[in-house]
Amino acid sequence: MVSVLDGVLTQTPELDGKAEELIIQISSCIQ
C-alpha cells in the first residue's frame, strides 16, 4: 500500500503535503 502511495506522490508532488498527512493517519490506524 505504501508503494502505491509513493507512486501517487511521484505523479502529484503538489499534493505531497496532504498525502503525507494521510500516510501518517493510515500508519496510525494500522499500528
PDB file of N, CA and C in Angstrom:
ATOM      1  N   MET A   1       0.841  -1.198   0.000  1.00  0.00           N
ATOM      2  CA  MET A   1       0.000   0.000   0.000  1.00  0.00           C
ATOM      3  C   MET A   1       0.879   1.251   0.000  1.00  0.00           C
ATOM      4  N   VAL A   2       1.951   1.199   0.764  1.00  0.00           N
ATOM      5  CA  VAL A   2       2.849   2.356   0.804  1.00  0.00           C
ATOM      6  C   VAL A   2       3.443   2.605  -0.570  1.00  0.00           C
ATOM      7  N   SER A   3       3.782   1.528  -1.281  1.00  0.00           N
ATOM      8  CA  SER A   3       4.372   1.680  -2.609  1.00  0.00           C
ATOM      9  C   SER A   3       3.394   2.382  -3.551  1.00  0.00           C
ATOM     10  N   VAL A   4       2.117   2.076  -3.420  1.00  0.00           N
ATOM     11  CA  VAL A   4       1.104   2.725  -4.259  1.00  0.00           C
ATOM     12  C   VAL A   4       1.053   4.212  -3.938  1.00  0.00           C
ATOM     13  N   LEU A   5       1.082   4.543  -2.651  1.00  0.00           N
ATOM     14  CA  LEU A   5       1.050   5.952  -2.259  1.00  0.00           C
ATOM     15  C   LEU A   5       2.287   6.671  -2.771  1.00  0.00           C
ATOM     16  N   ASP A   6       3.437   6.005  -2.713  1.00  0.00           N
ATOM     17  CA  ASP A   6       4.670   6.614  -3.223  1.00  0.00           C
ATOM     18  C   ASP A   6       4.522   6.928  -4.708  1.00  0.00           C
ATOM     19  N   GLY A   7       3.888   6.042  -5.454  1.00  0.00           N
ATOM     20  CA  GLY A   7       3.688   6.279  -6.881  1.00  0.00           C
ATOM     21  C   GLY A   7       2.821   7.501  -7.111  1.00  0.00           C
ATOM     22  N   VAL A   8       1.788   7.652  -6.288  1.00  0.00           N
ATOM     23  CA  VAL A   8       0.907   8.812  -6.412  1.00  0.00           C
ATOM     24  C   VAL A   8       1.675  10.085  -6.079  1.00  0.00           C
ATOM     25  N   LEU A   9       2.516  10.018  -5.044  1.00  0.00           N
ATOM     26  CA  LEU A   9       3.297  11.200  -4.664  1.00  0.00           C
ATOM     27  C   LEU A   9       4.218  11.614  -5.801  1.00  0.00           C
ATOM     28  N   THR A  10       4.795  10.644  -6.473  1.00  0.00           N
ATOM     29  CA  THR A  10       5.714  10.945  -7.571  1.00  0.00           C
ATOM     30  C   THR A  10       4.981  11.655  -8.706  1.00  0.00           C
ATOM     31  N   GLN A  11       3.724  11.267  -8.933  1.00  0.00           N
ATOM     32  CA  GLN A  11       2.967  11.859 -10.035  1.00  0.00           C
ATOM     33  C   GLN A  11       2.360  13.204  -9.642  1.00  0.00           C
ATOM     34  N   THR A  12       2.112  13.411  -8.349  1.00  0.00           N
ATOM     35  CA  THR A  12       1.465  14.652  -7.913  1.00  0.00           C
ATOM     36  C   THR A  12       2.238  15.283  -6.755  1.00  0.00           C
ATOM     37  N   PRO A  13       3.392  15.875  -7.050  1.00  0.00           N
ATOM     38  CA  PRO A  13       4.222  16.484  -5.995  1.00  0.00           C
ATOM     39  C   PRO A  13       3.512  17.622  -5.271  1.00  0.00           C
ATOM     40  N   GLU A  14       2.564  18.278  -5.928  1.00  0.00           N
ATOM     41  CA  GLU A  14       1.870  19.394  -5.287  1.00  0.00           C
ATOM     42  C   GLU A  14       0.970  18.908  -4.161  1.00  0.00           C
ATOM     43  N   LEU A  15       0.633  17.613  -4.188  1.00  0.00           N
ATOM     44  CA  LEU A  15      -0.213  17.051  -3.128  1.00  0.00           C
ATOM     45  C   LEU A  15       0.626  16.331  -2.079  1.00  0.00           C
ATOM     46  N   ASP A  16       1.939  16.504  -2.158  1.00  0.00           N
ATOM     47  CA  ASP A  16       2.842  15.784  -1.262  1.00  0.00           C
ATOM     48  C   ASP A  16       2.485  16.030   0.196  1.00  0.00           C
ATOM     49  N   GLY A  17       2.228  17.287   0.553  1.00  0.00           N
ATOM     50  CA  GLY A  17       1.922  17.615   1.948  1.00  0.00           C
ATOM     51  C   GLY A  17       0.684  16.892   2.441  1.00  0.00           C
ATOM     52  N   LYS A  18      -0.416  16.976   1.673  1.00  0.00           N
ATOM     53  CA  LYS A  18      -1.657  16.325   2.095  1.00  0.00           C
ATOM     54  C   LYS A  18      -1.485  14.817   2.112  1.00  0.00           C
ATOM     55  N   ALA A  19      -0.775  14.298   1.142  1.00  0.00           N
ATOM     56  CA  ALA A  19      -0.568  12.850   1.074  1.00  0.00           C
ATOM     57  C   ALA A  19       0.210  12.374   2.295  1.00  0.00           C
ATOM     58  N   GLU A  20       1.204  13.154   2.710  1.00  0.00           N
ATOM     59  CA  GLU A  20       1.983  12.760   3.887  1.00  0.00           C
ATOM     60  C   GLU A  20       1.082  12.691   5.108  1.00  0.00           C
ATOM     61  N   GLU A  21       0.163  13.645   5.245  1.00  0.00           N
ATOM     62  CA  GLU A  21      -0.755  13.625   6.382  1.00  0.00           C
ATOM     63  C   GLU A  21      -1.611  12.368   6.341  1.00  0.00           C
ATOM     64  N   LEU A  22      -2.083  11.999   5.138  1.00  0.00           N
ATOM     65  CA  LEU A  22      -2.890  10.786   5.007  1.00  0.00           C
ATOM     66  C   LEU A  22      -2.075   9.560   5.377  1.00  0.00           C
ATOM     67  N   ILE A  23      -0.820   9.521   4.942  1.00  0.00           N
ATOM     68  CA  ILE A  23       0.040   8.374   5.252  1.00  0.00           C
ATOM     69  C   ILE A  23       0.218   8.254   6.761  1.00  0.00           C
ATOM     70  N   ILE A  24       0.415   9.384   7.426  1.00  0.00           N
ATOM     71  CA  ILE A  24       0.588   9.360   8.886  1.00  0.00           C
ATOM     72  C   ILE A  24      -0.683   8.829   9.542  1.00  0.00           C
ATOM     73  N   GLN A  25      -1.846   9.281   9.088  1.00  0.00           N
ATOM     74  CA  GLN A  25      -3.112   8.828   9.663  1.00  0.00           C
ATOM     75  C   GLN A  25      -3.305   7.341   9.413  1.00  0.00           C
ATOM     76  N   ILE A  26      -3.007   6.884   8.203  1.00  0.00           N
ATOM     77  CA  ILE A  26      -3.154   5.465   7.872  1.00  0.00           C
ATOM     78  C   ILE A  26      -2.202   4.633   8.720  1.00  0.00           C
ATOM     79  N   SER A  27      -0.968   5.105   8.859  1.00  0.00           N
ATOM     80  CA  SER A  27       0.014   4.372   9.661  1.00  0.00           C
ATOM     81  C   SER A  27      -0.463   4.263  11.104  1.00  0.00           C
ATOM     82  N   SER A  28      -1.050   5.336  11.623  1.00  0.00           N
ATOM     83  CA  SER A  28      -1.548   5.310  12.994  1.00  0.00           C
ATOM     84  C   SER A  28      -2.669   4.288  13.129  1.00  0.00           C
ATOM     85  N   CYS A  29      -3.533   4.207  12.123  1.00  0.00           N
ATOM     86  CA  CYS A  29      -4.636   3.242  12.166  1.00  0.00           C
ATOM     87  C   CYS A  29      -4.097   1.819  12.113  1.00  0.00           C
ATOM     88  N   ILE A  30      -3.079   1.594  11.281  1.00  0.00           N
ATOM     89  CA  ILE A  30      -2.510   0.250  11.154  1.00  0.00           C
ATOM     90  C   ILE A  30      -1.875  -0.168  12.476  1.00  0.00           C
ATOM     91  N   GLN A  31      -1.146   0.741  13.093  1.00  0.00           N
ATOM     92  CA  GLN A  31      -0.488   0.420  14.358  1.00  0.00           C
ATOM     93  C   GLN A  31      -1.523   0.400  15.456  1.00  0.00           C
TER      94      GLN A  31
END
